[in-house]
């Protein structure tokens, strides 16, 4: 039995706790306000906190992590620094053994032991294999990958596209519109990923198209539900309040837009969503500009 600590007691952290229990482990769980030394002398420390909170929680925990393998569940890009979560961790703890977990994995379904496939990514192959062994069950299949850039970007950008598809659903559009946004959103994901050094094939896997499908099509998705409310005319801040949980797609949209500018990558869906969220464009105006762009070959 491995010694495991989960930093975060939200839906995903809880579902991972119960998965580990079913797998024969007895994980400890840290909640906000508690002593972070709970993660001392662990084999694995799992971070299940929102992307924009990862730095603060990891900074507190870093002195106690030691040689443990860090597994991060957050999918996002840090606002301001534009760092991926692995880069944040390495900045704070340069020798960290870091593994990112991504893929189509709603906590609600993991909790029910619904068959689920995910991917984990690390530059440390031994850490990858150790995490695969820790989490693998006959209902939770874990694939390994060494393209941490692609896996982290895919898991982040799909939340932005899910927000956009939710808005389209809320405006009363149909399956054609959702499919178009998902497909062209995948193209945006691939373009930015390639510019940042990712393997384009990664975006055809679980952390790319797989997570995109589930997040854009499920009512378990906070990003989609928030988008639906916005598409129905609810202001973004009020929509977030109604969801009652962190909506990663909104905060991540700002970072992804900034990355697209930094790397000179054309990302129309992200761009128009960014300008709408900032208040530069109304929803109908943003949609009109998106649809009336210059004709081009696919």
C-alpha atoms as a PDB file:
ATOM      1  CA  UNK A   1       0.000   0.000   0.000  1.00  0.00           C
ATOM      2  CA  UNK A   2       1.433   3.361  -1.084  1.00  0.00           C
ATOM      3  CA  UNK A   3       1.334   6.463   1.085  1.00  0.00           C
ATOM      4  CA  UNK A   4      -0.802   8.999  -0.790  1.00  0.00           C
ATOM      5  CA  UNK A   5      -2.036  12.472   0.065  1.00  0.00           C
ATOM      6  CA  UNK A   6      -4.631  14.400  -1.941  1.00  0.00           C
ATOM      7  CA  UNK A   7      -4.422  18.182  -1.739  1.00  0.00           C
ATOM      8  CA  UNK A   8      -7.999  19.265  -2.290  1.00  0.00           C
ATOM      9  CA  UNK A   9     -11.351  17.848  -1.237  1.00  0.00           C
ATOM     10  CA  UNK A  10     -13.510  18.952  -4.168  1.00  0.00           C
ATOM     11  CA  UNK A  11     -15.348  16.627  -6.539  1.00  0.00           C
ATOM     12  CA  UNK A  12     -12.257  15.455  -8.429  1.00  0.00           C
ATOM     13  CA  UNK A  13     -10.161  15.039  -5.294  1.00  0.00           C
ATOM     14  CA  UNK A  14     -12.941  13.035  -3.642  1.00  0.00           C
ATOM     15  CA  UNK A  15     -13.439  10.801  -6.675  1.00  0.00           C
ATOM     16  CA  UNK A  16      -9.700  10.084  -6.784  1.00  0.00           C
ATOM     17  CA  UNK A  17      -9.714   9.314  -3.070  1.00  0.00           C
ATOM     18  CA  UNK A  18     -12.438   6.724  -3.554  1.00  0.00           C
ATOM     19  CA  UNK A  19     -10.732   5.271  -6.625  1.00  0.00           C
ATOM     20  CA  UNK A  20      -7.558   4.799  -4.579  1.00  0.00           C
ATOM     21  CA  UNK A  21      -9.509   3.187  -1.746  1.00  0.00           C
ATOM     22  CA  UNK A  22     -11.017   0.744  -4.231  1.00  0.00           C
ATOM     23  CA  UNK A  23      -7.458   0.101  -5.407  1.00  0.00           C
ATOM     24  CA  UNK A  24      -6.320  -0.898  -1.911  1.00  0.00           C
ATOM     25  CA  UNK A  25      -4.832   2.388  -0.645  1.00  0.00           C
ATOM     26  CA  UNK A  26      -5.771   4.643   2.252  1.00  0.00           C
ATOM     27  CA  UNK A  27      -5.137   8.229   1.074  1.00  0.00           C
ATOM     28  CA  UNK A  28      -5.099  11.264   3.331  1.00  0.00           C
ATOM     29  CA  UNK A  29      -7.030  14.333   2.147  1.00  0.00           C
ATOM     30  CA  UNK A  30      -6.065  17.961   2.779  1.00  0.00           C
ATOM     31  CA  UNK A  31      -8.749  20.636   2.952  1.00  0.00           C
ATOM     32  CA  UNK A  32      -8.215  24.394   2.805  1.00  0.00           C
ATOM     33  CA  UNK A  33      -7.273  25.797   6.190  1.00  0.00           C
ATOM     34  CA  UNK A  34      -5.662  22.589   7.385  1.00  0.00           C
ATOM     35  CA  UNK A  35      -1.948  21.979   8.034  1.00  0.00           C
ATOM     36  CA  UNK A  36      -0.154  21.285   4.721  1.00  0.00           C
ATOM     37  CA  UNK A  37       2.451  19.105   6.505  1.00  0.00           C
ATOM     38  CA  UNK A  38      -0.152  16.350   5.983  1.00  0.00           C
ATOM     39  CA  UNK A  39       1.747  15.688   2.710  1.00  0.00           C
ATOM     40  CA  UNK A  40       5.044  14.924   4.464  1.00  0.00           C
ATOM     41  CA  UNK A  41       6.699  11.521   3.931  1.00  0.00           C
ATOM     42  CA  UNK A  42       4.330  10.508   1.112  1.00  0.00           C
ATOM     43  CA  UNK A  43       5.030   8.382  -1.951  1.00  0.00           C
ATOM     44  CA  UNK A  44       2.554  10.386  -4.020  1.00  0.00           C
ATOM     45  CA  UNK A  45       0.984  13.813  -3.568  1.00  0.00           C
ATOM     46  CA  UNK A  46      -2.041  14.515  -5.748  1.00  0.00           C
ATOM     47  CA  UNK A  47      -3.018  18.151  -6.332  1.00  0.00           C
ATOM     48  CA  UNK A  48      -6.737  18.563  -6.958  1.00  0.00           C
ATOM     49  CA  UNK A  49      -7.102  22.354  -6.777  1.00  0.00           C
ATOM     50  CA  UNK A  50      -8.086  24.897  -9.484  1.00  0.00           C
ATOM     51  CA  UNK A  51      -5.339  25.974 -11.861  1.00  0.00           C
ATOM     52  CA  UNK A  52      -5.204  29.553 -10.577  1.00  0.00           C
ATOM     53  CA  UNK A  53      -4.813  28.240  -7.003  1.00  0.00           C
ATOM     54  CA  UNK A  54      -2.119  25.704  -7.842  1.00  0.00           C
ATOM     55  CA  UNK A  55       0.832  28.034  -7.239  1.00  0.00           C
ATOM     56  CA  UNK A  56      -0.249  29.067  -3.751  1.00  0.00           C
ATOM     57  CA  UNK A  57      -1.096  25.532  -2.615  1.00  0.00           C
ATOM     58  CA  UNK A  58       2.031  24.003  -4.148  1.00  0.00           C
ATOM     59  CA  UNK A  59       4.206  26.720  -2.604  1.00  0.00           C
ATOM     60  CA  UNK A  60       2.860  25.837   0.850  1.00  0.00           C
ATOM     61  CA  UNK A  61       3.260  22.107   0.276  1.00  0.00           C
ATOM     62  CA  UNK A  62       6.645  22.136  -1.487  1.00  0.00           C
ATOM     63  CA  UNK A  63       8.804  22.018   1.687  1.00  0.00           C
ATOM     64  CA  UNK A  64       7.079  18.754   2.678  1.00  0.00           C
ATOM     65  CA  UNK A  65       6.799  17.055  -0.728  1.00  0.00           C
ATOM     66  CA  UNK A  66      10.366  15.748  -0.590  1.00  0.00           C
ATOM     67  CA  UNK A  67      10.952  12.930  -3.074  1.00  0.00           C
ATOM     68  CA  UNK A  68       7.263  12.172  -3.573  1.00  0.00           C
ATOM     69  CA  UNK A  69       5.814  11.986  -7.071  1.00  0.00           C
ATOM     70  CA  UNK A  70       3.476  14.919  -7.690  1.00  0.00           C
ATOM     71  CA  UNK A  71       0.312  14.195  -9.680  1.00  0.00           C
ATOM     72  CA  UNK A  72      -1.554  17.274 -10.855  1.00  0.00           C
ATOM     73  CA  UNK A  73      -5.208  17.196 -11.903  1.00  0.00           C
ATOM     74  CA  UNK A  74      -5.648  20.923 -12.670  1.00  0.00           C
ATOM     75  CA  UNK A  75      -6.216  21.850 -16.323  1.00  0.00           C
ATOM     76  CA  UNK A  76      -5.281  25.447 -17.011  1.00  0.00           C
ATOM     77  CA  UNK A  77      -2.662  28.072 -17.806  1.00  0.00           C
ATOM     78  CA  UNK A  78      -1.585  30.479 -15.068  1.00  0.00           C
ATOM     79  CA  UNK A  79      -2.839  34.009 -15.682  1.00  0.00           C
ATOM     80  CA  UNK A  80      -0.105  36.609 -16.019  1.00  0.00           C
ATOM     81  CA  UNK A  81       2.900  34.277 -16.218  1.00  0.00           C
ATOM     82  CA  UNK A  82       1.322  32.107 -18.970  1.00  0.00           C
ATOM     83  CA  UNK A  83       2.977  29.089 -17.392  1.00  0.00           C
ATOM     84  CA  UNK A  84       1.636  25.568 -17.609  1.00  0.00           C
ATOM     85  CA  UNK A  85       1.146  23.850 -14.258  1.00  0.00           C
ATOM     86  CA  UNK A  86       4.291  21.740 -14.699  1.00  0.00           C
ATOM     87  CA  UNK A  87       6.297  24.929 -15.255  1.00  0.00           C
ATOM     88  CA  UNK A  88       4.835  26.464 -12.087  1.00  0.00           C
ATOM     89  CA  UNK A  89       5.805  23.366 -10.102  1.00  0.00           C
ATOM     90  CA  UNK A  90       9.327  23.300 -11.534  1.00  0.00           C
ATOM     91  CA  UNK A  91       9.794  26.995 -10.780  1.00  0.00           C
ATOM     92  CA  UNK A  92       8.950  26.381  -7.116  1.00  0.00           C
ATOM     93  CA  UNK A  93      10.602  22.954  -6.739  1.00  0.00           C
ATOM     94  CA  UNK A  94      13.154  22.466  -9.552  1.00  0.00           C
ATOM     95  CA  UNK A  95      13.742  18.739  -8.948  1.00  0.00           C
ATOM     96  CA  UNK A  96      10.066  17.819  -8.654  1.00  0.00           C
ATOM     97  CA  UNK A  97       8.903  14.496 -10.086  1.00  0.00           C
ATOM     98  CA  UNK A  98       5.830  15.850 -11.854  1.00  0.00           C
ATOM     99  CA  UNK A  99       3.058  13.962 -13.644  1.00  0.00           C
ATOM    100  CA  UNK A 100       0.025  15.605 -15.292  1.00  0.00           C
ATOM    101  CA  UNK A 101      -3.240  13.678 -15.514  1.00  0.00           C
ATOM    102  CA  UNK A 102      -5.687  14.601 -18.266  1.00  0.00           C
ATOM    103  CA  UNK A 103      -8.377  13.157 -20.498  1.00  0.00           C
ATOM    104  CA  UNK A 104     -12.180  12.713 -20.472  1.00  0.00           C
ATOM    105  CA  UNK A 105     -12.758  12.103 -16.781  1.00  0.00           C
ATOM    106  CA  UNK A 106     -15.783  13.664 -15.111  1.00  0.00           C
ATOM    107  CA  UNK A 107     -15.519  13.205 -11.348  1.00  0.00           C
ATOM    108  CA  UNK A 108     -19.187  12.201 -11.179  1.00  0.00           C
ATOM    109  CA  UNK A 109     -18.530   9.180 -13.393  1.00  0.00           C
ATOM    110  CA  UNK A 110     -15.234   8.183 -11.777  1.00  0.00           C
ATOM    111  CA  UNK A 111     -17.148   8.143  -8.485  1.00  0.00           C
ATOM    112  CA  UNK A 112     -19.588   5.605  -9.980  1.00  0.00           C
ATOM    113  CA  UNK A 113     -16.741   3.472 -11.362  1.00  0.00           C
ATOM    114  CA  UNK A 114     -17.840   4.170 -14.942  1.00  0.00           C
ATOM    115  CA  UNK A 115     -15.188   2.860 -17.375  1.00  0.00           C
ATOM    116  CA  UNK A 116     -12.816   5.761 -17.992  1.00  0.00           C
ATOM    117  CA  UNK A 117      -9.600   6.243 -19.978  1.00  0.00           C
ATOM    118  CA  UNK A 118      -7.082   8.965 -19.089  1.00  0.00           C
ATOM    119  CA  UNK A 119      -3.549   9.881 -20.039  1.00  0.00           C
ATOM    120  CA  UNK A 120      -0.673  10.867 -17.785  1.00  0.00           C
ATOM    121  CA  UNK A 121       2.359  12.824 -18.968  1.00  0.00           C
ATOM    122  CA  UNK A 122       5.799  13.332 -17.513  1.00  0.00           C
ATOM    123  CA  UNK A 123       9.386  13.782 -18.621  1.00  0.00           C
ATOM    124  CA  UNK A 124      10.251  11.169 -15.986  1.00  0.00           C
ATOM    125  CA  UNK A 125       9.333   7.768 -17.418  1.00  0.00           C
ATOM    126  CA  UNK A 126       9.713   6.007 -14.063  1.00  0.00           C
ATOM    127  CA  UNK A 127       7.327   8.486 -12.457  1.00  0.00           C
ATOM    128  CA  UNK A 128       4.859   7.873 -15.289  1.00  0.00           C
ATOM    129  CA  UNK A 129       4.993   4.117 -14.758  1.00  0.00           C
ATOM    130  CA  UNK A 130       4.646   4.484 -10.983  1.00  0.00           C
ATOM    131  CA  UNK A 131       1.516   6.622 -11.364  1.00  0.00           C
ATOM    132  CA  UNK A 132       0.089   4.247 -13.951  1.00  0.00           C
ATOM    133  CA  UNK A 133       0.519   1.403 -11.474  1.00  0.00           C
ATOM    134  CA  UNK A 134      -1.008   3.458  -8.641  1.00  0.00           C
ATOM    135  CA  UNK A 135      -4.178   4.455 -10.468  1.00  0.00           C
ATOM    136  CA  UNK A 136      -4.847   1.672 -12.978  1.00  0.00           C
ATOM    137  CA  UNK A 137      -7.977  -0.389 -12.347  1.00  0.00           C
ATOM    138  CA  UNK A 138     -10.234  -2.518 -14.507  1.00  0.00           C
ATOM    139  CA  UNK A 139     -12.512   0.554 -14.802  1.00  0.00           C
ATOM    140  CA  UNK A 140      -9.887   3.318 -14.893  1.00  0.00           C
ATOM    141  CA  UNK A 141      -7.423   2.782 -17.709  1.00  0.00           C
ATOM    142  CA  UNK A 142      -4.276   4.935 -17.582  1.00  0.00           C
ATOM    143  CA  UNK A 143      -2.124   5.562 -20.665  1.00  0.00           C
ATOM    144  CA  UNK A 144       1.351   7.115 -20.449  1.00  0.00           C
ATOM    145  CA  UNK A 145       2.723   9.936 -22.598  1.00  0.00           C
ATOM    146  CA  UNK A 146       5.948  11.950 -22.577  1.00  0.00           C
ATOM    147  CA  UNK A 147       4.496  15.020 -24.353  1.00  0.00           C
ATOM    148  CA  UNK A 148       3.718  17.066 -21.279  1.00  0.00           C
ATOM    149  CA  UNK A 149       3.363  20.280 -23.313  1.00  0.00           C
ATOM    150  CA  UNK A 150       0.667  18.773 -25.530  1.00  0.00           C
ATOM    151  CA  UNK A 151      -1.175  17.037 -22.709  1.00  0.00           C
ATOM    152  CA  UNK A 152      -1.308  20.164 -20.539  1.00  0.00           C
ATOM    153  CA  UNK A 153      -2.317  22.432 -23.423  1.00  0.00           C
ATOM    154  CA  UNK A 154      -5.033  20.054 -24.604  1.00  0.00           C
ATOM    155  CA  UNK A 155      -6.549  19.811 -21.142  1.00  0.00           C
ATOM    156  CA  UNK A 156      -6.499  23.596 -20.815  1.00  0.00           C
ATOM    157  CA  UNK A 157      -7.757  24.746 -24.222  1.00  0.00           C
ATOM    158  CA  UNK A 158     -10.652  22.281 -24.334  1.00  0.00           C
ATOM    159  CA  UNK A 159     -12.237  24.233 -21.455  1.00  0.00           C
ATOM    160  CA  UNK A 160     -12.196  27.390 -23.563  1.00  0.00           C
ATOM    161  CA  UNK A 161     -13.830  25.611 -26.498  1.00  0.00           C
ATOM    162  CA  UNK A 162     -16.399  23.990 -24.191  1.00  0.00           C
ATOM    163  CA  UNK A 163     -17.374  27.451 -22.948  1.00  0.00           C
ATOM    164  CA  UNK A 164     -17.843  28.553 -26.571  1.00  0.00           C
ATOM    165  CA  UNK A 165     -19.926  25.507 -27.489  1.00  0.00           C
ATOM    166  CA  UNK A 166     -22.055  26.039 -24.396  1.00  0.00           C
ATOM    167  CA  UNK A 167     -22.725  29.618 -25.493  1.00  0.00           C
ATOM    168  CA  UNK A 168     -23.786  28.344 -28.911  1.00  0.00           C
ATOM    169  CA  UNK A 169     -26.127  25.837 -27.241  1.00  0.00           C
ATOM    170  CA  UNK A 170     -27.554  28.572 -25.030  1.00  0.00           C
ATOM    171  CA  UNK A 171     -28.225  30.739 -28.080  1.00  0.00           C
ATOM    172  CA  UNK A 172     -30.321  27.924 -29.524  1.00  0.00           C
ATOM    173  CA  UNK A 173     -27.908  26.680 -32.178  1.00  0.00           C
ATOM    174  CA  UNK A 174     -27.746  22.993 -32.999  1.00  0.00           C
ATOM    175  CA  UNK A 175     -25.469  20.029 -33.477  1.00  0.00           C
ATOM    176  CA  UNK A 176     -23.912  21.492 -36.634  1.00  0.00           C
ATOM    177  CA  UNK A 177     -22.675  24.532 -34.734  1.00  0.00           C
ATOM    178  CA  UNK A 178     -21.338  22.486 -31.831  1.00  0.00           C
ATOM    179  CA  UNK A 179     -19.490  20.135 -34.190  1.00  0.00           C
ATOM    180  CA  UNK A 180     -18.011  23.074 -36.093  1.00  0.00           C
ATOM    181  CA  UNK A 181     -16.780  24.763 -32.917  1.00  0.00           C
ATOM    182  CA  UNK A 182     -15.270  21.535 -31.610  1.00  0.00           C
ATOM    183  CA  UNK A 183     -13.518  20.775 -34.901  1.00  0.00           C
ATOM    184  CA  UNK A 184     -12.183  24.273 -35.449  1.00  0.00           C
ATOM    185  CA  UNK A 185     -11.345  24.486 -31.748  1.00  0.00           C
ATOM    186  CA  UNK A 186      -9.236  21.354 -32.136  1.00  0.00           C
ATOM    187  CA  UNK A 187      -7.445  23.068 -35.020  1.00  0.00           C
ATOM    188  CA  UNK A 188      -6.689  26.055 -32.749  1.00  0.00           C
ATOM    189  CA  UNK A 189      -5.404  23.709 -30.064  1.00  0.00           C
ATOM    190  CA  UNK A 190      -3.114  21.956 -32.539  1.00  0.00           C
ATOM    191  CA  UNK A 191      -1.745  25.206 -34.011  1.00  0.00           C
ATOM    192  CA  UNK A 192      -0.816  26.659 -30.633  1.00  0.00           C
ATOM    193  CA  UNK A 193       0.560  23.330 -29.461  1.00  0.00           C
ATOM    194  CA  UNK A 194       2.857  22.969 -32.440  1.00  0.00           C
ATOM    195  CA  UNK A 195       4.103  26.545 -31.964  1.00  0.00           C
ATOM    196  CA  UNK A 196       4.945  25.695 -28.354  1.00  0.00           C
ATOM    197  CA  UNK A 197       6.747  22.454 -29.184  1.00  0.00           C
ATOM    198  CA  UNK A 198       4.007  19.864 -28.624  1.00  0.00           C
ATOM    199  CA  UNK A 199       3.569  16.728 -30.706  1.00  0.00           C
ATOM    200  CA  UNK A 200       0.480  17.348 -32.904  1.00  0.00           C
ATOM    201  CA  UNK A 201      -0.521  13.687 -32.594  1.00  0.00           C
ATOM    202  CA  UNK A 202      -1.152  14.266 -28.869  1.00  0.00           C
ATOM    203  CA  UNK A 203      -4.213  16.370 -29.710  1.00  0.00           C
ATOM    204  CA  UNK A 204      -5.831  13.396 -31.432  1.00  0.00           C
ATOM    205  CA  UNK A 205      -5.670  11.465 -28.165  1.00  0.00           C
ATOM    206  CA  UNK A 206      -7.421  11.459 -24.814  1.00  0.00           C
ATOM    207  CA  UNK A 207      -6.133  14.813 -23.591  1.00  0.00           C
ATOM    208  CA  UNK A 208      -7.104  16.504 -26.860  1.00  0.00           C
ATOM    209  CA  UNK A 209     -10.079  15.323 -28.865  1.00  0.00           C
ATOM    210  CA  UNK A 210     -11.180  12.922 -26.108  1.00  0.00           C
ATOM    211  CA  UNK A 211     -11.479  15.596 -23.440  1.00  0.00           C
ATOM    212  CA  UNK A 212     -12.908  18.022 -26.001  1.00  0.00           C
ATOM    213  CA  UNK A 213     -15.771  15.641 -26.822  1.00  0.00           C
ATOM    214  CA  UNK A 214     -16.766  15.006 -23.222  1.00  0.00           C
ATOM    215  CA  UNK A 215     -16.413  18.608 -22.041  1.00  0.00           C
ATOM    216  CA  UNK A 216     -18.306  20.111 -24.971  1.00  0.00           C
ATOM    217  CA  UNK A 217     -21.119  17.580 -24.893  1.00  0.00           C
ATOM    218  CA  UNK A 218     -21.888  16.797 -21.250  1.00  0.00           C
ATOM    219  CA  UNK A 219     -24.003  18.588 -18.672  1.00  0.00           C
ATOM    220  CA  UNK A 220     -21.446  17.459 -16.091  1.00  0.00           C
ATOM    221  CA  UNK A 221     -19.178  20.088 -17.676  1.00  0.00           C
ATOM    222  CA  UNK A 222     -19.141  23.331 -15.679  1.00  0.00           C
ATOM    223  CA  UNK A 223     -17.690  25.119 -18.693  1.00  0.00           C
ATOM    224  CA  UNK A 224     -20.514  24.013 -20.963  1.00  0.00           C
ATOM    225  CA  UNK A 225     -23.200  24.792 -18.368  1.00  0.00           C
ATOM    226  CA  UNK A 226     -21.714  28.229 -17.768  1.00  0.00           C
ATOM    227  CA  UNK A 227     -21.605  28.842 -21.520  1.00  0.00           C
ATOM    228  CA  UNK A 228     -25.255  27.857 -21.870  1.00  0.00           C
ATOM    229  CA  UNK A 229     -26.229  30.439 -19.250  1.00  0.00           C
ATOM    230  CA  UNK A 230     -24.162  33.114 -20.986  1.00  0.00           C
ATOM    231  CA  UNK A 231     -25.725  32.212 -24.334  1.00  0.00           C
ATOM    232  CA  UNK A 232     -29.147  32.666 -22.729  1.00  0.00           C
ATOM    233  CA  UNK A 233     -28.211  36.217 -21.755  1.00  0.00           C
ATOM    234  CA  UNK A 234     -26.802  35.767 -18.246  1.00  0.00           C
ATOM    235  CA  UNK A 235     -23.743  37.949 -17.537  1.00  0.00           C
ATOM    236  CA  UNK A 236     -20.517  35.909 -17.191  1.00  0.00           C
ATOM    237  CA  UNK A 237     -20.003  36.776 -13.502  1.00  0.00           C
ATOM    238  CA  UNK A 238     -23.592  35.858 -12.677  1.00  0.00           C
ATOM    239  CA  UNK A 239     -23.265  32.637 -14.691  1.00  0.00           C
ATOM    240  CA  UNK A 240     -20.200  31.663 -12.660  1.00  0.00           C
ATOM    241  CA  UNK A 241     -22.115  32.410  -9.458  1.00  0.00           C
ATOM    242  CA  UNK A 242     -24.984  30.192 -10.594  1.00  0.00           C
ATOM    243  CA  UNK A 243     -22.589  27.329 -11.370  1.00  0.00           C
ATOM    244  CA  UNK A 244     -21.152  27.742  -7.871  1.00  0.00           C
ATOM    245  CA  UNK A 245     -17.761  26.271  -8.772  1.00  0.00           C
ATOM    246  CA  UNK A 246     -14.624  27.384 -10.598  1.00  0.00           C
ATOM    247  CA  UNK A 247     -15.160  27.664 -14.359  1.00  0.00           C
ATOM    248  CA  UNK A 248     -11.661  27.084 -15.710  1.00  0.00           C
ATOM    249  CA  UNK A 249     -12.586  28.007 -19.288  1.00  0.00           C
ATOM    250  CA  UNK A 250     -13.113  31.667 -18.401  1.00  0.00           C
ATOM    251  CA  UNK A 251      -9.819  32.222 -16.577  1.00  0.00           C
ATOM    252  CA  UNK A 252      -7.939  30.052 -19.072  1.00  0.00           C
ATOM    253  CA  UNK A 253      -9.341  31.975 -22.049  1.00  0.00           C
ATOM    254  CA  UNK A 254      -7.335  35.041 -21.039  1.00  0.00           C
ATOM    255  CA  UNK A 255      -4.091  33.067 -20.812  1.00  0.00           C
ATOM    256  CA  UNK A 256      -4.671  31.143 -24.047  1.00  0.00           C
ATOM    257  CA  UNK A 257      -5.403  34.383 -25.888  1.00  0.00           C
ATOM    258  CA  UNK A 258      -2.183  35.905 -24.535  1.00  0.00           C
ATOM    259  CA  UNK A 259      -0.259  32.802 -25.637  1.00  0.00           C
ATOM    260  CA  UNK A 260      -1.765  33.063 -29.135  1.00  0.00           C
ATOM    261  CA  UNK A 261      -0.510  36.656 -29.352  1.00  0.00           C
ATOM    262  CA  UNK A 262       2.906  35.713 -27.947  1.00  0.00           C
ATOM    263  CA  UNK A 263       3.397  32.914 -30.468  1.00  0.00           C
ATOM    264  CA  UNK A 264       1.618  34.610 -33.380  1.00  0.00           C
ATOM    265  CA  UNK A 265      -0.992  31.854 -33.728  1.00  0.00           C
ATOM    266  CA  UNK A 266      -4.415  32.438 -35.303  1.00  0.00           C
ATOM    267  CA  UNK A 267      -7.101  31.316 -32.810  1.00  0.00           C
ATOM    268  CA  UNK A 268     -10.412  32.950 -33.903  1.00  0.00           C
ATOM    269  CA  UNK A 269     -12.734  31.199 -31.439  1.00  0.00           C
ATOM    270  CA  UNK A 270     -10.473  32.007 -28.504  1.00  0.00           C
ATOM    271  CA  UNK A 271      -9.981  35.575 -29.727  1.00  0.00           C
ATOM    272  CA  UNK A 272     -13.646  36.453 -30.084  1.00  0.00           C
ATOM    273  CA  UNK A 273     -14.517  34.771 -26.794  1.00  0.00           C
ATOM    274  CA  UNK A 274     -11.727  36.755 -25.119  1.00  0.00           C
ATOM    275  CA  UNK A 275     -13.033  40.063 -26.451  1.00  0.00           C
ATOM    276  CA  UNK A 276     -16.583  39.181 -25.408  1.00  0.00           C
ATOM    277  CA  UNK A 277     -15.504  38.272 -21.870  1.00  0.00           C
ATOM    278  CA  UNK A 278     -13.540  41.513 -21.627  1.00  0.00           C
ATOM    279  CA  UNK A 279     -16.596  43.486 -22.694  1.00  0.00           C
ATOM    280  CA  UNK A 280     -15.035  44.712 -25.940  1.00  0.00           C
ATOM    281  CA  UNK A 281     -17.701  43.004 -28.054  1.00  0.00           C
ATOM    282  CA  UNK A 282     -21.313  42.020 -27.533  1.00  0.00           C
ATOM    283  CA  UNK A 283     -22.207  38.372 -28.099  1.00  0.00           C
ATOM    284  CA  UNK A 284     -24.029  38.951 -31.384  1.00  0.00           C
ATOM    285  CA  UNK A 285     -21.260  41.229 -32.637  1.00  0.00           C
ATOM    286  CA  UNK A 286     -18.582  38.677 -31.731  1.00  0.00           C
ATOM    287  CA  UNK A 287     -20.534  35.904 -33.452  1.00  0.00           C
ATOM    288  CA  UNK A 288     -21.031  38.009 -36.591  1.00  0.00           C
ATOM    289  CA  UNK A 289     -17.315  38.760 -36.813  1.00  0.00           C
ATOM    290  CA  UNK A 290     -16.432  35.087 -36.264  1.00  0.00           C
ATOM    291  CA  UNK A 291     -18.768  33.896 -39.025  1.00  0.00           C
ATOM    292  CA  UNK A 292     -17.879  36.634 -41.516  1.00  0.00           C
ATOM    293  CA  UNK A 293     -14.124  36.157 -41.458  1.00  0.00           C
ATOM    294  CA  UNK A 294     -12.222  35.884 -44.723  1.00  0.00           C
ATOM    295  CA  UNK A 295     -12.863  32.716 -46.714  1.00  0.00           C
ATOM    296  CA  UNK A 296     -10.074  30.142 -46.596  1.00  0.00           C
ATOM    297  CA  UNK A 297      -9.217  26.527 -47.376  1.00  0.00           C
ATOM    298  CA  UNK A 298      -9.511  24.006 -44.558  1.00  0.00           C
END
